[in-house]
PDB file of N, CA and C in Angstrom:
ATOM      1  N   MET A   1      76.243  99.895  79.623  1.00  0.00           N
ATOM      2  CA  MET A   1      77.902  98.775  79.090  1.00  0.00           C
ATOM      3  C   MET A   1      76.797  97.337  78.730  1.00  0.00           C
ATOM      4  N   LYS A   2      77.539  97.239  77.886  1.00  0.00           N
ATOM      5  CA  LYS A   2      76.853  96.021  77.087  1.00  0.00           C
ATOM      6  C   LYS A   2      77.882  95.243  77.112  1.00  0.00           C
ATOM      7  N   SER A   3      77.001  93.531  77.360  1.00  0.00           N
ATOM      8  CA  SER A   3      78.306  92.401  76.746  1.00  0.00           C
ATOM      9  C   SER A   3      78.365  91.985  75.855  1.00  0.00           C
ATOM     10  N   THR A   4      80.021  91.530  75.946  1.00  0.00           N
ATOM     11  CA  THR A   4      80.604  90.566  74.314  1.00  0.00           C
ATOM     12  C   THR A   4      80.198  89.557  74.956  1.00  0.00           C
ATOM     13  N   GLY A   5      80.212  88.315  75.619  1.00  0.00           N
ATOM     14  CA  GLY A   5      80.329  87.106  75.785  1.00  0.00           C
ATOM     15  C   GLY A   5      81.262  86.579  75.832  1.00  0.00           C
ATOM     16  N   ILE A   6      82.302  87.183  75.813  1.00  0.00           N
ATOM     17  CA  ILE A   6      84.045  87.064  75.800  1.00  0.00           C
ATOM     18  C   ILE A   6      84.330  86.575  77.288  1.00  0.00           C
ATOM     19  N   VAL A   7      84.715  85.508  77.243  1.00  0.00           N
ATOM     20  CA  VAL A   7      85.586  85.582  78.917  1.00  0.00           C
ATOM     21  C   VAL A   7      86.443  84.938  78.748  1.00  0.00           C
ATOM     22  N   ARG A   8      87.671  85.752  79.648  1.00  0.00           N
ATOM     23  CA  ARG A   8      88.495  85.228  80.159  1.00  0.00           C
ATOM     24  C   ARG A   8      89.537  85.097  81.451  1.00  0.00           C
ATOM     25  N   LYS A   9      89.940  84.076  81.277  1.00  0.00           N
ATOM     26  CA  LYS A   9      90.766  83.571  82.847  1.00  0.00           C
ATOM     27  C   LYS A   9      91.897  84.439  83.180  1.00  0.00           C
ATOM     28  N   VAL A  10      92.210  84.752  84.404  1.00  0.00           N
ATOM     29  CA  VAL A  10      93.231  85.322  84.682  1.00  0.00           C
ATOM     30  C   VAL A  10      94.341  84.507  84.939  1.00  0.00           C
ATOM     31  N   ASP A  11      95.659  84.667  84.457  1.00  0.00           N
ATOM     32  CA  ASP A  11      96.860  83.495  84.279  1.00  0.00           C
ATOM     33  C   ASP A  11      97.327  83.533  85.535  1.00  0.00           C
ATOM     34  N   GLU A  12      98.476  82.803  85.974  1.00  0.00           N
ATOM     35  CA  GLU A  12      99.425  82.917  87.173  1.00  0.00           C
ATOM     36  C   GLU A  12      99.652  84.798  87.939  1.00  0.00           C
ATOM     37  N   LEU A  13      99.717  84.989  86.679  1.00  0.00           N
ATOM     38  CA  LEU A  13     100.401  86.501  86.357  1.00  0.00           C
ATOM     39  C   LEU A  13      99.777  87.233  86.633  1.00  0.00           C
ATOM     40  N   GLY A  14      98.582  86.980  87.258  1.00  0.00           N
ATOM     41  CA  GLY A  14      97.794  88.064  86.749  1.00  0.00           C
ATOM     42  C   GLY A  14      96.942  89.370  85.522  1.00  0.00           C
ATOM     43  N   ARG A  15      97.596  88.345  84.748  1.00  0.00           N
ATOM     44  CA  ARG A  15      96.978  88.830  83.017  1.00  0.00           C
ATOM     45  C   ARG A  15      96.164  88.079  82.919  1.00  0.00           C
ATOM     46  N   ILE A  16      95.368  89.165  81.575  1.00  0.00           N
ATOM     47  CA  ILE A  16      94.353  88.738  80.656  1.00  0.00           C
ATOM     48  C   ILE A  16      95.353  89.454  79.641  1.00  0.00           C
ATOM     49  N   VAL A  17      94.109  88.473  78.612  1.00  0.00           N
ATOM     50  CA  VAL A  17      94.457  88.966  77.279  1.00  0.00           C
ATOM     51  C   VAL A  17      93.437  89.566  76.097  1.00  0.00           C
ATOM     52  N   LEU A  18      92.631  90.699  75.953  1.00  0.00           N
ATOM     53  CA  LEU A  18      91.777  91.332  74.910  1.00  0.00           C
ATOM     54  C   LEU A  18      91.868  90.603  73.934  1.00  0.00           C
ATOM     55  N   PRO A  19      91.084  89.706  73.699  1.00  0.00           N
ATOM     56  CA  PRO A  19      90.235  89.886  72.057  1.00  0.00           C
ATOM     57  C   PRO A  19      90.679  90.507  70.741  1.00  0.00           C
ATOM     58  N   ILE A  20      91.568  89.990  70.455  1.00  0.00           N
ATOM     59  CA  ILE A  20      91.854  90.509  69.074  1.00  0.00           C
ATOM     60  C   ILE A  20      90.540  91.693  68.488  1.00  0.00           C
ATOM     61  N   SER A  21      89.079  91.367  68.341  1.00  0.00           N
ATOM     62  CA  SER A  21      88.635  92.302  68.164  1.00  0.00           C
ATOM     63  C   SER A  21      87.896  93.207  68.467  1.00  0.00           C
ATOM     64  N   ILE A  22      88.526  92.956  70.125  1.00  0.00           N
ATOM     65  CA  ILE A  22      87.827  94.263  70.457  1.00  0.00           C
ATOM     66  C   ILE A  22      88.797  95.246  70.967  1.00  0.00           C
ATOM     67  N   ARG A  23      90.559  94.964  70.438  1.00  0.00           N
ATOM     68  CA  ARG A  23      91.535  95.130  70.225  1.00  0.00           C
ATOM     69  C   ARG A  23      91.230  96.194  68.929  1.00  0.00           C
ATOM     70  N   GLN A  24      90.985  95.898  68.458  1.00  0.00           N
ATOM     71  CA  GLN A  24      90.314  96.152  66.427  1.00  0.00           C
ATOM     72  C   GLN A  24      89.481  97.673  66.969  1.00  0.00           C
ATOM     73  N   THR A  25      88.111  97.317  67.752  1.00  0.00           N
ATOM     74  CA  THR A  25      86.942  98.074  67.888  1.00  0.00           C
ATOM     75  C   THR A  25      87.326  99.101  68.372  1.00  0.00           C
ATOM     76  N   MET A  26      88.223  99.520  69.782  1.00  0.00           N
ATOM     77  CA  MET A  26      88.571 100.298  70.479  1.00  0.00           C
ATOM     78  C   MET A  26      90.286 101.054  70.247  1.00  0.00           C
ATOM     79  N   ASP A  27      90.396 100.615  68.857  1.00  0.00           N
ATOM     80  CA  ASP A  27      91.492 101.139  68.452  1.00  0.00           C
ATOM     81  C   ASP A  27      92.751 101.115  69.540  1.00  0.00           C
ATOM     82  N   ILE A  28      93.136  99.965  70.294  1.00  0.00           N
ATOM     83  CA  ILE A  28      93.573  99.822  70.920  1.00  0.00           C
ATOM     84  C   ILE A  28      94.975  98.535  70.382  1.00  0.00           C
ATOM     85  N   ASN A  29      96.301  99.522  70.391  1.00  0.00           N
ATOM     86  CA  ASN A  29      97.375  98.467  69.991  1.00  0.00           C
ATOM     87  C   ASN A  29      98.422  98.303  70.823  1.00  0.00           C
ATOM     88  N   GLU A  30      99.310  97.531  70.073  1.00  0.00           N
ATOM     89  CA  GLU A  30     100.558  97.242  70.715  1.00  0.00           C
ATOM     90  C   GLU A  30     101.185  98.524  71.473  1.00  0.00           C
ATOM     91  N   LYS A  31     101.303  98.250  72.469  1.00  0.00           N
ATOM     92  CA  LYS A  31     102.223  99.272  73.825  1.00  0.00           C
ATOM     93  C   LYS A  31     101.563 100.210  74.172  1.00  0.00           C
ATOM     94  N   ASP A  32      99.975 100.700  73.512  1.00  0.00           N
ATOM     95  CA  ASP A  32      99.200 100.944  74.063  1.00  0.00           C
ATOM     96  C   ASP A  32      98.767 100.984  75.884  1.00  0.00           C
ATOM     97  N   SER A  33      99.181 102.904  76.028  1.00  0.00           N
ATOM     98  CA  SER A  33      98.823 102.745  77.874  1.00  0.00           C
ATOM     99  C   SER A  33      97.060 102.249  78.170  1.00  0.00           C
ATOM    100  N   LEU A  34      96.669 101.445  78.817  1.00  0.00           N
ATOM    101  CA  LEU A  34      95.299 101.536  79.263  1.00  0.00           C
ATOM    102  C   LEU A  34      95.211 102.074  80.470  1.00  0.00           C
ATOM    103  N   GLU A  35      94.002 103.211  80.954  1.00  0.00           N
ATOM    104  CA  GLU A  35      94.132 103.334  81.996  1.00  0.00           C
ATOM    105  C   GLU A  35      93.311 102.807  82.934  1.00  0.00           C
ATOM    106  N   ILE A  36      93.230 102.205  84.479  1.00  0.00           N
ATOM    107  CA  ILE A  36      92.388 101.316  85.008  1.00  0.00           C
ATOM    108  C   ILE A  36      91.521 101.706  85.836  1.00  0.00           C
ATOM    109  N   PHE A  37      89.860 102.275  86.012  1.00  0.00           N
ATOM    110  CA  PHE A  37      88.869 102.913  86.640  1.00  0.00           C
ATOM    111  C   PHE A  37      88.602 101.542  87.832  1.00  0.00           C
ATOM    112  N   THR A  38      88.039 101.649  88.822  1.00  0.00           N
ATOM    113  CA  THR A  38      87.255 100.931  89.351  1.00  0.00           C
ATOM    114  C   THR A  38      85.942 101.495  89.563  1.00  0.00           C
ATOM    115  N   ASP A  39      84.344 100.699  89.870  1.00  0.00           N
ATOM    116  CA  ASP A  39      83.455 101.302  89.977  1.00  0.00           C
ATOM    117  C   ASP A  39      83.298 100.664  90.845  1.00  0.00           C
ATOM    118  N   GLU A  40      82.922 100.419  92.244  1.00  0.00           N
ATOM    119  CA  GLU A  40      81.918  99.477  93.107  1.00  0.00           C
ATOM    120  C   GLU A  40      82.759  97.631  92.395  1.00  0.00           C
ATOM    121  N   ASN A  41      82.299  97.003  91.730  1.00  0.00           N
ATOM    122  CA  ASN A  41      82.539  95.504  92.165  1.00  0.00           C
ATOM    123  C   ASN A  41      83.344  95.566  90.377  1.00  0.00           C
ATOM    124  N   LYS A  42      83.307  96.989  89.838  1.00  0.00           N
ATOM    125  CA  LYS A  42      83.600  96.512  88.025  1.00  0.00           C
ATOM    126  C   LYS A  42      85.217  97.470  88.344  1.00  0.00           C
ATOM    127  N   ILE A  43      86.090  96.272  87.271  1.00  0.00           N
ATOM    128  CA  ILE A  43      86.979  97.075  86.548  1.00  0.00           C
ATOM    129  C   ILE A  43      86.395  97.552  84.770  1.00  0.00           C
ATOM    130  N   ILE A  44      87.273  99.116  85.432  1.00  0.00           N
ATOM    131  CA  ILE A  44      86.468 100.010  83.504  1.00  0.00           C
ATOM    132  C   ILE A  44      88.037  99.444  83.309  1.00  0.00           C
ATOM    133  N   LEU A  45      88.250  99.265  81.680  1.00  0.00           N
ATOM    134  CA  LEU A  45      90.345  99.546  81.004  1.00  0.00           C
ATOM    135  C   LEU A  45      89.278 100.671  79.937  1.00  0.00           C
ATOM    136  N   GLN A  46      90.431 101.796  79.587  1.00  0.00           N
ATOM    137  CA  GLN A  46      89.921 102.369  78.890  1.00  0.00           C
ATOM    138  C   GLN A  46      91.192 103.027  78.317  1.00  0.00           C
ATOM    139  N   LYS A  47      91.418 103.601  76.978  1.00  0.00           N
ATOM    140  CA  LYS A  47      93.044 103.955  76.620  1.00  0.00           C
ATOM    141  C   LYS A  47      93.168 104.928  76.756  1.00  0.00           C
ATOM    142  N   TYR A  48      94.513 104.630  77.276  1.00  0.00           N
ATOM    143  CA  TYR A  48      95.258 106.281  77.980  1.00  0.00           C
ATOM    144  C   TYR A  48      95.334 107.594  77.337  1.00  0.00           C
ATOM    145  N   GLN A  49      94.735 108.625  77.400  1.00  0.00           N
ATOM    146  CA  GLN A  49      94.986 109.801  76.267  1.00  0.00           C
ATOM    147  C   GLN A  49      94.823 110.775  77.420  1.00  0.00           C
ATOM    148  N   PRO A  50      96.047 111.249  77.579  1.00  0.00           N
ATOM    149  CA  PRO A  50      96.812 112.365  78.388  1.00  0.00           C
ATOM    150  C   PRO A  50      96.405 113.737  78.238  1.00  0.00           C
ATOM    151  N   CYS A  51      96.117 113.880  76.346  1.00  0.00           N
ATOM    152  CA  CYS A  51      95.383 115.144  76.037  1.00  0.00           C
ATOM    153  C   CYS A  51      94.296 115.363  76.016  1.00  0.00           C
ATOM    154  N   CYS A  52      93.834 116.815  75.050  1.00  0.00           N
ATOM    155  CA  CYS A  52      92.764 116.748  74.756  1.00  0.00           C
ATOM    156  C   CYS A  52      91.642 115.809  73.468  1.00  0.00           C
ATOM    157  N   ILE A  53      91.198 115.425  73.807  1.00  0.00           N
ATOM    158  CA  ILE A  53      90.437 114.487  72.338  1.00  0.00           C
ATOM    159  C   ILE A  53      90.327 115.230  71.031  1.00  0.00           C
ATOM    160  N   PHE A  54      89.949 116.377  71.220  1.00  0.00           N
ATOM    161  CA  PHE A  54      89.826 117.809  69.893  1.00  0.00           C
ATOM    162  C   PHE A  54      91.505 118.426  69.469  1.00  0.00           C
ATOM    163  N   CYS A  55      91.865 118.748  70.227  1.00  0.00           N
ATOM    164  CA  CYS A  55      92.900 119.580  69.653  1.00  0.00           C
ATOM    165  C   CYS A  55      94.419 119.227  69.874  1.00  0.00           C
ATOM    166  N   SER A  56      94.582 117.710  71.016  1.00  0.00           N
ATOM    167  CA  SER A  56      95.472 117.474  71.576  1.00  0.00           C
ATOM    168  C   SER A  56      96.594 118.228  72.374  1.00  0.00           C
ATOM    169  N   ASN A  57      96.219 119.179  72.719  1.00  0.00           N
ATOM    170  CA  ASN A  57      96.730 119.849  74.292  1.00  0.00           C
ATOM    171  C   ASN A  57      96.414 119.274  75.024  1.00  0.00           C
ATOM    172  N   ALA A  58      98.265 119.252  75.597  1.00  0.00           N
ATOM    173  CA  ALA A  58      98.191 118.578  76.744  1.00  0.00           C
ATOM    174  C   ALA A  58      98.290 119.781  78.124  1.00  0.00           C
ATOM    175  N   ASP A  59      97.881 120.909  77.888  1.00  0.00           N
ATOM    176  CA  ASP A  59      97.514 121.583  78.942  1.00  0.00           C
ATOM    177  C   ASP A  59      96.103 121.301  79.317  1.00  0.00           C
ATOM    178  N   ASN A  60      95.957 121.833  80.953  1.00  0.00           N
ATOM    179  CA  ASN A  60      94.851 122.451  81.264  1.00  0.00           C
ATOM    180  C   ASN A  60      93.074 121.495  80.928  1.00  0.00           C
ATOM    181  N   ILE A  61      93.943 120.396  81.290  1.00  0.00           N
ATOM    182  CA  ILE A  61      92.995 118.954  80.811  1.00  0.00           C
ATOM    183  C   ILE A  61      91.625 118.987  82.267  1.00  0.00           C
ATOM    184  N   VAL A  62      90.870 119.207  81.543  1.00  0.00           N
ATOM    185  CA  VAL A  62      89.494 118.552  82.484  1.00  0.00           C
ATOM    186  C   VAL A  62      88.872 117.810  82.159  1.00  0.00           C
ATOM    187  N   TYR A  63      88.289 117.075  82.490  1.00  0.00           N
ATOM    188  CA  TYR A  63      86.954 116.175  82.408  1.00  0.00           C
ATOM    189  C   TYR A  63      85.665 116.496  82.139  1.00  0.00           C
ATOM    190  N   PHE A  64      85.012 116.186  80.947  1.00  0.00           N
ATOM    191  CA  PHE A  64      83.821 116.498  80.156  1.00  0.00           C
ATOM    192  C   PHE A  64      82.856 115.246  80.080  1.00  0.00           C
ATOM    193  N   SER A  65      82.418 114.963  80.587  1.00  0.00           N
ATOM    194  CA  SER A  65      81.438 113.738  80.215  1.00  0.00           C
ATOM    195  C   SER A  65      82.523 112.355  80.034  1.00  0.00           C
ATOM    196  N   GLY A  66      83.459 112.315  81.048  1.00  0.00           N
ATOM    197  CA  GLY A  66      84.405 111.190  81.100  1.00  0.00           C
ATOM    198  C   GLY A  66      85.761 111.486  80.087  1.00  0.00           C
ATOM    199  N   LYS A  67      85.881 112.717  79.316  1.00  0.00           N
ATOM    200  CA  LYS A  67      86.754 112.306  78.484  1.00  0.00           C
ATOM    201  C   LYS A  67      87.694 114.199  78.889  1.00  0.00           C
ATOM    202  N   ARG A  68      88.467 113.548  77.674  1.00  0.00           N
ATOM    203  CA  ARG A  68      89.914 114.583  78.550  1.00  0.00           C
ATOM    204  C   ARG A  68      89.985 115.956  77.644  1.00  0.00           C
ATOM    205  N   ILE A  69      89.134 116.725  78.277  1.00  0.00           N
ATOM    206  CA  ILE A  69      88.971 118.678  77.176  1.00  0.00           C
ATOM    207  C   ILE A  69      90.139 119.868  77.857  1.00  0.00           C
ATOM    208  N   CYS A  70      90.789 120.009  77.439  1.00  0.00           N
ATOM    209  CA  CYS A  70      91.276 121.599  77.447  1.00  0.00           C
ATOM    210  C   CYS A  70      90.330 122.209  77.779  1.00  0.00           C
ATOM    211  N   GLU A  71      90.834 122.982  78.603  1.00  0.00           N
ATOM    212  CA  GLU A  71      89.501 124.458  79.287  1.00  0.00           C
ATOM    213  C   GLU A  71      89.340 125.478  77.816  1.00  0.00           C
ATOM    214  N   ASP A  72      90.049 125.205  77.131  1.00  0.00           N
ATOM    215  CA  ASP A  72      89.892 126.327  75.164  1.00  0.00           C
ATOM    216  C   ASP A  72      89.003 125.802  74.633  1.00  0.00           C
ATOM    217  N   CYS A  73      88.510 124.175  74.703  1.00  0.00           N
ATOM    218  CA  CYS A  73      87.859 123.730  73.816  1.00  0.00           C
ATOM    219  C   CYS A  73      86.259 123.356  74.876  1.00  0.00           C
ATOM    220  N   LEU A  74      86.947 122.430  75.975  1.00  0.00           N
ATOM    221  CA  LEU A  74      85.122 123.412  76.442  1.00  0.00           C
ATOM    222  C   LEU A  74      84.330 124.799  76.353  1.00  0.00           C
ATOM    223  N   ALA A  75      85.523 125.504  76.892  1.00  0.00           N
ATOM    224  CA  ALA A  75      84.981 127.079  76.799  1.00  0.00           C
ATOM    225  C   ALA A  75      84.298 127.124  74.834  1.00  0.00           C
ATOM    226  N   LYS A  76      84.723 126.824  74.373  1.00  0.00           N
ATOM    227  CA  LYS A  76      84.395 126.465  72.841  1.00  0.00           C
ATOM    228  C   LYS A  76      82.879 125.768  72.870  1.00  0.00           C
ATOM    229  N   ILE A  77      82.956 124.675  73.497  1.00  0.00           N
ATOM    230  CA  ILE A  77      81.608 123.723  73.535  1.00  0.00           C
ATOM    231  C   ILE A  77      80.338 124.423  73.985  1.00  0.00           C
ATOM    232  N   LYS A  78      80.858 125.188  75.030  1.00  0.00           N
ATOM    233  CA  LYS A  78      79.550 126.037  75.902  1.00  0.00           C
ATOM    234  C   LYS A  78      79.194 127.035  74.865  1.00  0.00           C
ATOM    235  N   GLN A  79      80.424 127.591  74.411  1.00  0.00           N
ATOM    236  CA  GLN A  79      79.685 128.959  73.504  1.00  0.00           C
ATOM    237  C   GLN A  79      78.441 128.275  72.470  1.00  0.00           C
ATOM    238  N   THR A  80      78.643 127.431  72.107  1.00  0.00           N
ATOM    239  CA  THR A  80      77.729 126.105  71.198  1.00  0.00           C
ATOM    240  C   THR A  80      76.448 125.851  71.780  1.00  0.00           C
ATOM    241  N   LEU A  81      76.820 125.950  73.100  1.00  0.00           N
ATOM    242  CA  LEU A  81      75.130 125.373  73.625  1.00  0.00           C
ATOM    243  C   LEU A  81      74.374 126.630  74.053  1.00  0.00           C
TER     244      LEU A  81
END
């Protein structure tokens, strides 16, 4: 994890603003959903992608190295190793 050097305050409603440079880099657009994770004392935001990152299949999704992959694509990956 690398620091961006950007600091934002939480407003009275608990909101923060993600700078446009970060949104553009991470391909986060208006109305996109973000998934929220916690890890000890960290809050992690990730663009929500409920389907396979390779084929867009939304069935039989598993996590592989932190990414959502359908079982068919995972089997293909295992064959190439």
